[in-house]
């Protein structure tokens, strides 16, 4: 069996995947990271509930993976596969969380995927954006399969309007470097709301206020939605990801009421390439943890048990 884990910035999801036979994920548990000192103590807690030792561990981590080490960007935890192997007694492999989520798309049920922009698949490359505690980005070549990690969420936030110039200067004063993640994420929504209102508030409170029609909350939500639309199509163009865009993560799901014409217009606003983008479908994934599915699937890929993969969503 495979120990699969999705170690996020706030909480971690763990489960056991099958190495052979039908794909199955069982014993799924969600743990709050704040209750543990390190990934090792978190994994030990989960393993203490098992009656047998897994054959391998595959960890999807919310940060850049360099060789066999990673650091979680929004938590500060360091993950060392070699250290975990010595402490826990079986081999470990690391993936970026969006890289794992891209693999997980092969196992997300079609009932948990909504097409929010029409289009038709062309080619093999898919763009994946995860919007939650941070902004993650990855690419998926779906016929191989091969997922490619990136840290595109930390690229510079592009400015298009006078309003956004004001936001940029506000964020520059707060953070120095103004990345996309400072806007397109849960904390980013709070940053944008602080700019409009002068008040600090949580993403949950802002979304609740927006649903009630509060002006500053709606302005913040709509700016984030437009920024997400622009960045999604930028990723499509950079990789010619004409097979579609998948939006993942808790904030992406919470923004669904506003992922409408405003999102689509921002997505299409690429001048001479508008016609190309009109044909690209966009999907919203409602599964709570595609990265956990992907970590389990990646373990099977490492064992070369799967020979062909096709995304179930059309």
C-alpha atoms as a PDB file:
ATOM      1  CA  UNK A   1       0.000   0.000   0.000  1.00  0.00           C
ATOM      2  CA  UNK A   2       0.956   3.635  -0.495  1.00  0.00           C
ATOM      3  CA  UNK A   3       0.924   6.243   2.243  1.00  0.00           C
ATOM      4  CA  UNK A   4      -0.409   9.288   0.372  1.00  0.00           C
ATOM      5  CA  UNK A   5      -0.455  12.740   1.933  1.00  0.00           C
ATOM      6  CA  UNK A   6      -1.463  16.221   0.851  1.00  0.00           C
ATOM      7  CA  UNK A   7       0.417  18.540   3.215  1.00  0.00           C
ATOM      8  CA  UNK A   8      -1.072  21.993   2.816  1.00  0.00           C
ATOM      9  CA  UNK A   9      -0.423  25.332   4.417  1.00  0.00           C
ATOM     10  CA  UNK A  10      -3.145  24.877   7.062  1.00  0.00           C
ATOM     11  CA  UNK A  11      -4.081  21.205   7.257  1.00  0.00           C
ATOM     12  CA  UNK A  12      -3.011  17.841   5.881  1.00  0.00           C
ATOM     13  CA  UNK A  13      -5.006  15.005   4.353  1.00  0.00           C
ATOM     14  CA  UNK A  14      -3.645  11.481   4.536  1.00  0.00           C
ATOM     15  CA  UNK A  15      -4.826   8.166   3.162  1.00  0.00           C
ATOM     16  CA  UNK A  16      -3.798   4.721   1.960  1.00  0.00           C
ATOM     17  CA  UNK A  17      -3.693   3.971  -1.754  1.00  0.00           C
ATOM     18  CA  UNK A  18      -3.522   0.636  -3.517  1.00  0.00           C
ATOM     19  CA  UNK A  19      -0.375  -0.273  -5.441  1.00  0.00           C
ATOM     20  CA  UNK A  20      -2.056  -2.941  -7.556  1.00  0.00           C
ATOM     21  CA  UNK A  21      -5.540  -3.829  -8.743  1.00  0.00           C
ATOM     22  CA  UNK A  22      -8.353  -1.261  -8.817  1.00  0.00           C
ATOM     23  CA  UNK A  23      -7.404   2.235  -7.667  1.00  0.00           C
ATOM     24  CA  UNK A  24      -8.709   2.833  -4.182  1.00  0.00           C
ATOM     25  CA  UNK A  25      -8.026   5.366  -1.439  1.00  0.00           C
ATOM     26  CA  UNK A  26      -8.993   4.461   2.115  1.00  0.00           C
ATOM     27  CA  UNK A  27      -8.405   5.484   5.735  1.00  0.00           C
ATOM     28  CA  UNK A  28      -8.556   9.171   4.792  1.00  0.00           C
ATOM     29  CA  UNK A  29      -7.904  11.477   7.727  1.00  0.00           C
ATOM     30  CA  UNK A  30      -7.598  15.266   8.000  1.00  0.00           C
ATOM     31  CA  UNK A  31      -5.139  16.663  10.540  1.00  0.00           C
ATOM     32  CA  UNK A  32      -4.560  20.282  11.536  1.00  0.00           C
ATOM     33  CA  UNK A  33      -0.913  21.180  10.998  1.00  0.00           C
ATOM     34  CA  UNK A  34      -0.895  23.508  14.014  1.00  0.00           C
ATOM     35  CA  UNK A  35      -1.184  20.449  16.272  1.00  0.00           C
ATOM     36  CA  UNK A  36       2.196  19.086  15.126  1.00  0.00           C
ATOM     37  CA  UNK A  37       5.805  20.271  15.291  1.00  0.00           C
ATOM     38  CA  UNK A  38       6.882  18.834  11.949  1.00  0.00           C
ATOM     39  CA  UNK A  39       5.808  16.619   9.037  1.00  0.00           C
ATOM     40  CA  UNK A  40       7.531  13.707  10.751  1.00  0.00           C
ATOM     41  CA  UNK A  41       5.407  13.974  13.899  1.00  0.00           C
ATOM     42  CA  UNK A  42       2.265  14.336  11.781  1.00  0.00           C
ATOM     43  CA  UNK A  43       3.087  11.210   9.760  1.00  0.00           C
ATOM     44  CA  UNK A  44       3.972   9.262  12.920  1.00  0.00           C
ATOM     45  CA  UNK A  45       0.572  10.125  14.362  1.00  0.00           C
ATOM     46  CA  UNK A  46      -1.196   8.755  11.279  1.00  0.00           C
ATOM     47  CA  UNK A  47       1.008   5.658  11.031  1.00  0.00           C
ATOM     48  CA  UNK A  48       0.323   4.818  14.681  1.00  0.00           C
ATOM     49  CA  UNK A  49      -3.247   3.945  13.682  1.00  0.00           C
ATOM     50  CA  UNK A  50      -2.154   1.373  11.059  1.00  0.00           C
ATOM     51  CA  UNK A  51      -1.523  -2.329  11.547  1.00  0.00           C
ATOM     52  CA  UNK A  52       1.078  -2.597   8.770  1.00  0.00           C
ATOM     53  CA  UNK A  53       3.884  -0.514   7.308  1.00  0.00           C
ATOM     54  CA  UNK A  54       3.262   1.026   3.858  1.00  0.00           C
ATOM     55  CA  UNK A  55       5.532   0.055   0.976  1.00  0.00           C
ATOM     56  CA  UNK A  56       6.126   3.689   0.086  1.00  0.00           C
ATOM     57  CA  UNK A  57       5.083   7.215   0.954  1.00  0.00           C
ATOM     58  CA  UNK A  58       4.199   9.932  -1.550  1.00  0.00           C
ATOM     59  CA  UNK A  59       3.854  13.429  -0.136  1.00  0.00           C
ATOM     60  CA  UNK A  60       2.293  16.357  -1.986  1.00  0.00           C
ATOM     61  CA  UNK A  61       3.692  19.508  -0.385  1.00  0.00           C
ATOM     62  CA  UNK A  62       2.603  23.136  -0.765  1.00  0.00           C
ATOM     63  CA  UNK A  63       5.961  24.514  -1.815  1.00  0.00           C
ATOM     64  CA  UNK A  64       8.851  24.044  -4.247  1.00  0.00           C
ATOM     65  CA  UNK A  65      10.430  20.587  -4.314  1.00  0.00           C
ATOM     66  CA  UNK A  66      14.178  20.564  -4.892  1.00  0.00           C
ATOM     67  CA  UNK A  67      15.543  17.069  -5.235  1.00  0.00           C
ATOM     68  CA  UNK A  68      14.439  15.147  -2.165  1.00  0.00           C
ATOM     69  CA  UNK A  69      13.738  18.207  -0.044  1.00  0.00           C
ATOM     70  CA  UNK A  70      10.977  20.786   0.127  1.00  0.00           C
ATOM     71  CA  UNK A  71       9.890  23.735   2.225  1.00  0.00           C
ATOM     72  CA  UNK A  72       6.243  24.672   2.683  1.00  0.00           C
ATOM     73  CA  UNK A  73       5.944  28.292   1.573  1.00  0.00           C
ATOM     74  CA  UNK A  74       3.090  29.344   3.878  1.00  0.00           C
ATOM     75  CA  UNK A  75       3.992  27.211   6.886  1.00  0.00           C
ATOM     76  CA  UNK A  76       7.775  27.052   7.170  1.00  0.00           C
ATOM     77  CA  UNK A  77       7.986  23.281   7.579  1.00  0.00           C
ATOM     78  CA  UNK A  78      10.928  21.547   5.941  1.00  0.00           C
ATOM     79  CA  UNK A  79      10.394  18.106   4.410  1.00  0.00           C
ATOM     80  CA  UNK A  80      13.360  15.804   3.810  1.00  0.00           C
ATOM     81  CA  UNK A  81      12.555  12.466   2.150  1.00  0.00           C
ATOM     82  CA  UNK A  82      15.816  10.904   3.337  1.00  0.00           C
ATOM     83  CA  UNK A  83      15.180  11.919   6.936  1.00  0.00           C
ATOM     84  CA  UNK A  84      11.654  10.493   6.793  1.00  0.00           C
ATOM     85  CA  UNK A  85      12.976   7.217   5.360  1.00  0.00           C
ATOM     86  CA  UNK A  86      15.468   6.860   8.206  1.00  0.00           C
ATOM     87  CA  UNK A  87      12.860   7.707  10.832  1.00  0.00           C
ATOM     88  CA  UNK A  88       9.913   5.716   9.472  1.00  0.00           C
ATOM     89  CA  UNK A  89      11.539   2.814   7.644  1.00  0.00           C
ATOM     90  CA  UNK A  90      10.161   2.953   4.083  1.00  0.00           C
ATOM     91  CA  UNK A  91      10.891   5.001   0.922  1.00  0.00           C
ATOM     92  CA  UNK A  92       9.415   8.466   0.397  1.00  0.00           C
ATOM     93  CA  UNK A  93       8.841  10.566  -2.720  1.00  0.00           C
ATOM     94  CA  UNK A  94       7.955  14.266  -2.844  1.00  0.00           C
ATOM     95  CA  UNK A  95       5.732  16.181  -5.263  1.00  0.00           C
ATOM     96  CA  UNK A  96       4.611  19.775  -5.401  1.00  0.00           C
ATOM     97  CA  UNK A  97       0.953  19.884  -4.344  1.00  0.00           C
ATOM     98  CA  UNK A  98      -0.294  21.270  -7.665  1.00  0.00           C
ATOM     99  CA  UNK A  99       1.800  18.720  -9.548  1.00  0.00           C
ATOM    100  CA  UNK A 100       0.072  16.033  -7.489  1.00  0.00           C
ATOM    101  CA  UNK A 101      -3.333  17.661  -8.018  1.00  0.00           C
ATOM    102  CA  UNK A 102      -2.744  17.553 -11.769  1.00  0.00           C
ATOM    103  CA  UNK A 103      -2.190  13.795 -11.564  1.00  0.00           C
ATOM    104  CA  UNK A 104      -5.249  13.586  -9.327  1.00  0.00           C
ATOM    105  CA  UNK A 105      -7.482  14.887 -12.126  1.00  0.00           C
ATOM    106  CA  UNK A 106      -7.339  11.410 -13.633  1.00  0.00           C
ATOM    107  CA  UNK A 107      -9.196  10.088 -10.573  1.00  0.00           C
ATOM    108  CA  UNK A 108     -11.591  12.930  -9.748  1.00  0.00           C
ATOM    109  CA  UNK A 109     -15.156  11.743 -10.486  1.00  0.00           C
ATOM    110  CA  UNK A 110     -16.860  13.565 -13.349  1.00  0.00           C
ATOM    111  CA  UNK A 111     -19.682  14.452 -10.932  1.00  0.00           C
ATOM    112  CA  UNK A 112     -17.230  16.664  -9.013  1.00  0.00           C
ATOM    113  CA  UNK A 113     -16.167  18.729 -12.031  1.00  0.00           C
ATOM    114  CA  UNK A 114     -18.246  21.598 -13.444  1.00  0.00           C
ATOM    115  CA  UNK A 115     -17.578  23.215 -16.802  1.00  0.00           C
ATOM    116  CA  UNK A 116     -17.863  26.964 -16.157  1.00  0.00           C
ATOM    117  CA  UNK A 117     -16.722  28.164 -19.571  1.00  0.00           C
ATOM    118  CA  UNK A 118     -17.567  26.385 -22.805  1.00  0.00           C
ATOM    119  CA  UNK A 119     -14.904  25.144 -25.161  1.00  0.00           C
ATOM    120  CA  UNK A 120     -13.512  22.072 -26.815  1.00  0.00           C
ATOM    121  CA  UNK A 121     -10.335  20.190 -25.981  1.00  0.00           C
ATOM    122  CA  UNK A 122      -7.445  20.501 -28.391  1.00  0.00           C
ATOM    123  CA  UNK A 123      -3.995  19.081 -27.877  1.00  0.00           C
ATOM    124  CA  UNK A 124      -2.667  17.384 -24.793  1.00  0.00           C
ATOM    125  CA  UNK A 125      -1.683  20.180 -22.378  1.00  0.00           C
ATOM    126  CA  UNK A 126      -3.906  21.189 -19.444  1.00  0.00           C
ATOM    127  CA  UNK A 127      -3.408  24.223 -17.168  1.00  0.00           C
ATOM    128  CA  UNK A 128      -4.101  23.704 -13.454  1.00  0.00           C
ATOM    129  CA  UNK A 129      -4.519  26.514 -10.911  1.00  0.00           C
ATOM    130  CA  UNK A 130      -5.077  25.924  -7.203  1.00  0.00           C
ATOM    131  CA  UNK A 131      -6.580  28.844  -5.279  1.00  0.00           C
ATOM    132  CA  UNK A 132      -6.620  28.451  -1.512  1.00  0.00           C
ATOM    133  CA  UNK A 133      -4.121  29.443   1.178  1.00  0.00           C
ATOM    134  CA  UNK A 134      -1.858  30.303  -1.764  1.00  0.00           C
ATOM    135  CA  UNK A 135      -1.906  30.241  -5.554  1.00  0.00           C
ATOM    136  CA  UNK A 136      -0.435  27.121  -7.126  1.00  0.00           C
ATOM    137  CA  UNK A 137       0.050  26.410 -10.805  1.00  0.00           C
ATOM    138  CA  UNK A 138       0.982  23.333 -12.804  1.00  0.00           C
ATOM    139  CA  UNK A 139       0.729  21.864 -16.277  1.00  0.00           C
ATOM    140  CA  UNK A 140      -0.433  18.394 -17.236  1.00  0.00           C
ATOM    141  CA  UNK A 141       0.385  16.517 -20.429  1.00  0.00           C
ATOM    142  CA  UNK A 142      -2.597  14.239 -20.203  1.00  0.00           C
ATOM    143  CA  UNK A 143      -1.708  11.445 -22.653  1.00  0.00           C
ATOM    144  CA  UNK A 144       1.574  10.381 -21.014  1.00  0.00           C
ATOM    145  CA  UNK A 145       0.777  11.311 -18.197  1.00  0.00           C
ATOM    146  CA  UNK A 146       3.271  13.961 -17.076  1.00  0.00           C
ATOM    147  CA  UNK A 147       2.633  16.779 -14.616  1.00  0.00           C
ATOM    148  CA  UNK A 148       4.991  19.749 -14.442  1.00  0.00           C
ATOM    149  CA  UNK A 149       5.240  21.810 -11.268  1.00  0.00           C
ATOM    150  CA  UNK A 150       5.764  25.560 -11.161  1.00  0.00           C
ATOM    151  CA  UNK A 151       5.888  28.410  -8.674  1.00  0.00           C
ATOM    152  CA  UNK A 152       3.963  30.717 -10.981  1.00  0.00           C
ATOM    153  CA  UNK A 153       1.889  32.042  -8.105  1.00  0.00           C
ATOM    154  CA  UNK A 154       4.955  33.963  -6.956  1.00  0.00           C
ATOM    155  CA  UNK A 155       5.409  35.770 -10.265  1.00  0.00           C
ATOM    156  CA  UNK A 156       4.731  39.518 -10.341  1.00  0.00           C
ATOM    157  CA  UNK A 157       1.102  40.650 -10.130  1.00  0.00           C
ATOM    158  CA  UNK A 158       0.307  42.397 -13.447  1.00  0.00           C
ATOM    159  CA  UNK A 159      -1.557  45.699 -13.309  1.00  0.00           C
ATOM    160  CA  UNK A 160      -4.156  46.736 -15.891  1.00  0.00           C
ATOM    161  CA  UNK A 161      -6.301  49.534 -14.413  1.00  0.00           C
ATOM    162  CA  UNK A 162      -5.901  52.642 -12.247  1.00  0.00           C
ATOM    163  CA  UNK A 163      -7.699  50.797  -9.459  1.00  0.00           C
ATOM    164  CA  UNK A 164      -5.152  47.990  -9.671  1.00  0.00           C
ATOM    165  CA  UNK A 165      -2.283  50.491  -9.635  1.00  0.00           C
ATOM    166  CA  UNK A 166      -3.640  51.736  -6.329  1.00  0.00           C
ATOM    167  CA  UNK A 167      -3.825  48.174  -5.027  1.00  0.00           C
ATOM    168  CA  UNK A 168      -0.297  47.472  -6.274  1.00  0.00           C
ATOM    169  CA  UNK A 169       1.114  50.477  -4.389  1.00  0.00           C
ATOM    170  CA  UNK A 170      -0.807  49.431  -1.266  1.00  0.00           C
ATOM    171  CA  UNK A 171       0.582  45.883  -1.423  1.00  0.00           C
ATOM    172  CA  UNK A 172       4.070  47.121  -2.305  1.00  0.00           C
ATOM    173  CA  UNK A 173       4.069  49.057   0.941  1.00  0.00           C
ATOM    174  CA  UNK A 174       3.011  45.959   2.855  1.00  0.00           C
ATOM    175  CA  UNK A 175       5.127  43.253   1.262  1.00  0.00           C
ATOM    176  CA  UNK A 176       7.777  44.721  -1.014  1.00  0.00           C
ATOM    177  CA  UNK A 177       7.342  42.149  -3.764  1.00  0.00           C
ATOM    178  CA  UNK A 178       3.757  41.993  -5.043  1.00  0.00           C
ATOM    179  CA  UNK A 179       3.178  38.468  -6.299  1.00  0.00           C
ATOM    180  CA  UNK A 180       0.033  37.063  -7.865  1.00  0.00           C
ATOM    181  CA  UNK A 181      -0.532  35.125  -4.641  1.00  0.00           C
ATOM    182  CA  UNK A 182      -0.858  38.406  -2.700  1.00  0.00           C
ATOM    183  CA  UNK A 183      -4.106  38.905  -4.651  1.00  0.00           C
ATOM    184  CA  UNK A 184      -5.318  35.506  -5.908  1.00  0.00           C
ATOM    185  CA  UNK A 185      -5.627  33.470  -2.690  1.00  0.00           C
ATOM    186  CA  UNK A 186      -7.508  33.469   0.595  1.00  0.00           C
ATOM    187  CA  UNK A 187      -5.019  35.843   2.261  1.00  0.00           C
ATOM    188  CA  UNK A 188      -4.974  37.763  -1.031  1.00  0.00           C
ATOM    189  CA  UNK A 189      -8.718  38.370  -0.805  1.00  0.00           C
ATOM    190  CA  UNK A 190      -8.124  39.778   2.686  1.00  0.00           C
ATOM    191  CA  UNK A 191      -5.375  42.029   1.290  1.00  0.00           C
ATOM    192  CA  UNK A 192      -7.650  43.356  -1.450  1.00  0.00           C
ATOM    193  CA  UNK A 193     -10.492  43.943   0.995  1.00  0.00           C
ATOM    194  CA  UNK A 194      -8.136  45.866   3.297  1.00  0.00           C
ATOM    195  CA  UNK A 195      -7.252  48.095   0.344  1.00  0.00           C
ATOM    196  CA  UNK A 196     -10.889  48.869  -0.455  1.00  0.00           C
ATOM    197  CA  UNK A 197     -12.223  49.163   3.088  1.00  0.00           C
ATOM    198  CA  UNK A 198      -9.272  49.997   5.331  1.00  0.00           C
ATOM    199  CA  UNK A 199     -10.305  47.063   7.526  1.00  0.00           C
ATOM    200  CA  UNK A 200      -8.798  43.634   8.152  1.00  0.00           C
ATOM    201  CA  UNK A 201     -11.124  40.666   7.699  1.00  0.00           C
ATOM    202  CA  UNK A 202     -10.968  36.938   7.018  1.00  0.00           C
ATOM    203  CA  UNK A 203     -11.814  35.456   3.607  1.00  0.00           C
ATOM    204  CA  UNK A 204     -14.883  33.775   5.113  1.00  0.00           C
ATOM    205  CA  UNK A 205     -16.189  37.078   6.501  1.00  0.00           C
ATOM    206  CA  UNK A 206     -15.525  38.876   3.209  1.00  0.00           C
ATOM    207  CA  UNK A 207     -17.348  36.239   1.168  1.00  0.00           C
ATOM    208  CA  UNK A 208     -20.307  36.325   3.557  1.00  0.00           C
ATOM    209  CA  UNK A 209     -20.444  40.117   3.254  1.00  0.00           C
ATOM    210  CA  UNK A 210     -20.223  39.897  -0.544  1.00  0.00           C
ATOM    211  CA  UNK A 211     -23.171  37.505  -0.606  1.00  0.00           C
ATOM    212  CA  UNK A 212     -25.136  40.160   1.304  1.00  0.00           C
ATOM    213  CA  UNK A 213     -24.132  42.812  -1.229  1.00  0.00           C
ATOM    214  CA  UNK A 214     -21.642  44.815   0.868  1.00  0.00           C
ATOM    215  CA  UNK A 215     -19.914  47.224  -1.531  1.00  0.00           C
ATOM    216  CA  UNK A 216     -16.269  46.857  -0.436  1.00  0.00           C
ATOM    217  CA  UNK A 217     -16.563  43.074  -0.169  1.00  0.00           C
ATOM    218  CA  UNK A 218     -18.062  42.817  -3.655  1.00  0.00           C
ATOM    219  CA  UNK A 219     -15.332  45.068  -5.053  1.00  0.00           C
ATOM    220  CA  UNK A 220     -12.658  42.853  -3.494  1.00  0.00           C
ATOM    221  CA  UNK A 221     -14.229  39.624  -4.729  1.00  0.00           C
ATOM    222  CA  UNK A 222     -14.674  40.924  -8.262  1.00  0.00           C
ATOM    223  CA  UNK A 223     -11.096  42.180  -8.472  1.00  0.00           C
ATOM    224  CA  UNK A 224      -9.791  38.779  -7.349  1.00  0.00           C
ATOM    225  CA  UNK A 225     -12.053  37.041  -9.889  1.00  0.00           C
ATOM    226  CA  UNK A 226     -10.766  39.258 -12.700  1.00  0.00           C
ATOM    227  CA  UNK A 227      -7.173  38.641 -11.661  1.00  0.00           C
ATOM    228  CA  UNK A 228      -7.822  34.895 -11.636  1.00  0.00           C
ATOM    229  CA  UNK A 229      -9.340  35.040 -15.118  1.00  0.00           C
ATOM    230  CA  UNK A 230      -6.366  36.960 -16.494  1.00  0.00           C
ATOM    231  CA  UNK A 231      -3.801  34.673 -14.892  1.00  0.00           C
ATOM    232  CA  UNK A 232      -5.604  31.525 -16.050  1.00  0.00           C
ATOM    233  CA  UNK A 233      -5.461  32.634 -19.674  1.00  0.00           C
ATOM    234  CA  UNK A 234      -1.855  33.807 -19.292  1.00  0.00           C
ATOM    235  CA  UNK A 235      -0.915  30.283 -18.219  1.00  0.00           C
ATOM    236  CA  UNK A 236      -2.838  28.877 -21.190  1.00  0.00           C
ATOM    237  CA  UNK A 237      -0.915  31.080 -23.607  1.00  0.00           C
ATOM    238  CA  UNK A 238       2.504  30.432 -22.081  1.00  0.00           C
ATOM    239  CA  UNK A 239       2.097  26.663 -22.413  1.00  0.00           C
ATOM    240  CA  UNK A 240      -0.470  26.504 -25.238  1.00  0.00           C
ATOM    241  CA  UNK A 241      -2.656  24.595 -22.796  1.00  0.00           C
ATOM    242  CA  UNK A 242      -5.525  24.288 -25.254  1.00  0.00           C
ATOM    243  CA  UNK A 243      -6.917  21.146 -23.620  1.00  0.00           C
ATOM    244  CA  UNK A 244      -8.483  23.193 -20.832  1.00  0.00           C
ATOM    245  CA  UNK A 245      -8.061  24.962 -17.513  1.00  0.00           C
ATOM    246  CA  UNK A 246      -8.873  23.351 -14.161  1.00  0.00           C
ATOM    247  CA  UNK A 247      -9.501  25.548 -11.112  1.00  0.00           C
ATOM    248  CA  UNK A 248      -8.997  23.842  -7.750  1.00  0.00           C
ATOM    249  CA  UNK A 249      -9.013  24.788  -4.090  1.00  0.00           C
ATOM    250  CA  UNK A 250     -11.314  26.067  -1.399  1.00  0.00           C
ATOM    251  CA  UNK A 251     -11.328  29.700  -2.502  1.00  0.00           C
ATOM    252  CA  UNK A 252     -11.938  28.790  -6.145  1.00  0.00           C
ATOM    253  CA  UNK A 253     -15.028  26.864  -5.040  1.00  0.00           C
ATOM    254  CA  UNK A 254     -16.185  29.672  -2.746  1.00  0.00           C
ATOM    255  CA  UNK A 255     -15.896  32.155  -5.624  1.00  0.00           C
ATOM    256  CA  UNK A 256     -18.248  30.114  -7.824  1.00  0.00           C
ATOM    257  CA  UNK A 257     -21.160  32.626  -7.626  1.00  0.00           C
ATOM    258  CA  UNK A 258     -18.874  35.246  -9.230  1.00  0.00           C
ATOM    259  CA  UNK A 259     -17.134  33.018 -11.788  1.00  0.00           C
ATOM    260  CA  UNK A 260     -19.441  34.315 -14.466  1.00  0.00           C
ATOM    261  CA  UNK A 261     -19.220  36.740 -17.361  1.00  0.00           C
ATOM    262  CA  UNK A 262     -16.728  38.973 -15.526  1.00  0.00           C
ATOM    263  CA  UNK A 263     -14.334  36.047 -15.102  1.00  0.00           C
ATOM    264  CA  UNK A 264     -14.795  35.020 -18.721  1.00  0.00           C
ATOM    265  CA  UNK A 265     -14.200  38.529 -20.059  1.00  0.00           C
ATOM    266  CA  UNK A 266     -10.988  38.793 -18.038  1.00  0.00           C
ATOM    267  CA  UNK A 267      -9.957  35.358 -19.321  1.00  0.00           C
ATOM    268  CA  UNK A 268     -10.539  36.400 -22.933  1.00  0.00           C
ATOM    269  CA  UNK A 269      -8.923  39.849 -22.708  1.00  0.00           C
ATOM    270  CA  UNK A 270      -5.723  38.947 -24.520  1.00  0.00           C
ATOM    271  CA  UNK A 271      -6.074  41.122 -27.609  1.00  0.00           C
ATOM    272  CA  UNK A 272      -5.264  39.277 -30.821  1.00  0.00           C
ATOM    273  CA  UNK A 273      -5.411  35.875 -29.074  1.00  0.00           C
ATOM    274  CA  UNK A 274      -9.031  36.280 -27.919  1.00  0.00           C
ATOM    275  CA  UNK A 275     -10.367  33.947 -30.601  1.00  0.00           C
ATOM    276  CA  UNK A 276      -7.932  31.218 -29.551  1.00  0.00           C
ATOM    277  CA  UNK A 277      -8.999  31.527 -25.903  1.00  0.00           C
ATOM    278  CA  UNK A 278     -12.705  31.455 -26.762  1.00  0.00           C
ATOM    279  CA  UNK A 279     -12.250  27.782 -27.663  1.00  0.00           C
ATOM    280  CA  UNK A 280     -10.532  26.779 -24.383  1.00  0.00           C
ATOM    281  CA  UNK A 281     -12.828  25.156 -21.771  1.00  0.00           C
ATOM    282  CA  UNK A 282     -12.548  26.025 -18.078  1.00  0.00           C
ATOM    283  CA  UNK A 283     -13.535  23.595 -15.312  1.00  0.00           C
ATOM    284  CA  UNK A 284     -14.119  24.024 -11.580  1.00  0.00           C
ATOM    285  CA  UNK A 285     -13.123  20.999  -9.487  1.00  0.00           C
ATOM    286  CA  UNK A 286     -15.190  20.432  -6.349  1.00  0.00           C
ATOM    287  CA  UNK A 287     -13.249  17.462  -4.978  1.00  0.00           C
ATOM    288  CA  UNK A 288     -11.754  18.348  -1.563  1.00  0.00           C
ATOM    289  CA  UNK A 289      -8.266  17.027  -2.326  1.00  0.00           C
ATOM    290  CA  UNK A 290      -7.208  16.157  -5.863  1.00  0.00           C
ATOM    291  CA  UNK A 291      -3.620  16.313  -4.579  1.00  0.00           C
ATOM    292  CA  UNK A 292      -4.272  13.367  -2.254  1.00  0.00           C
ATOM    293  CA  UNK A 293      -5.671  11.349  -5.148  1.00  0.00           C
ATOM    294  CA  UNK A 294      -2.673  12.391  -7.229  1.00  0.00           C
ATOM    295  CA  UNK A 295      -0.163  11.380  -4.576  1.00  0.00           C
ATOM    296  CA  UNK A 296      -1.732   7.921  -4.420  1.00  0.00           C
ATOM    297  CA  UNK A 297      -1.817   7.652  -8.210  1.00  0.00           C
ATOM    298  CA  UNK A 298       1.784   8.800  -8.528  1.00  0.00           C
ATOM    299  CA  UNK A 299       2.865   5.904  -6.332  1.00  0.00           C
ATOM    300  CA  UNK A 300       1.262   3.549  -8.827  1.00  0.00           C
ATOM    301  CA  UNK A 301       2.897   5.365 -11.727  1.00  0.00           C
ATOM    302  CA  UNK A 302       6.254   4.885 -10.040  1.00  0.00           C
ATOM    303  CA  UNK A 303       5.538   1.176 -10.009  1.00  0.00           C
ATOM    304  CA  UNK A 304       4.626   1.353 -13.707  1.00  0.00           C
ATOM    305  CA  UNK A 305       1.221  -0.261 -13.114  1.00  0.00           C
ATOM    306  CA  UNK A 306      -0.770   2.187 -15.219  1.00  0.00           C
ATOM    307  CA  UNK A 307      -0.330   2.319 -18.980  1.00  0.00           C
ATOM    308  CA  UNK A 308      -2.978   4.753 -20.247  1.00  0.00           C
ATOM    309  CA  UNK A 309      -4.840   7.701 -18.735  1.00  0.00           C
ATOM    310  CA  UNK A 310      -7.651   9.818 -20.043  1.00  0.00           C
ATOM    311  CA  UNK A 311      -9.366  12.654 -18.229  1.00  0.00           C
ATOM    312  CA  UNK A 312     -13.022  11.693 -17.684  1.00  0.00           C
ATOM    313  CA  UNK A 313     -14.335  15.251 -18.157  1.00  0.00           C
ATOM    314  CA  UNK A 314     -15.484  16.439 -21.577  1.00  0.00           C
END
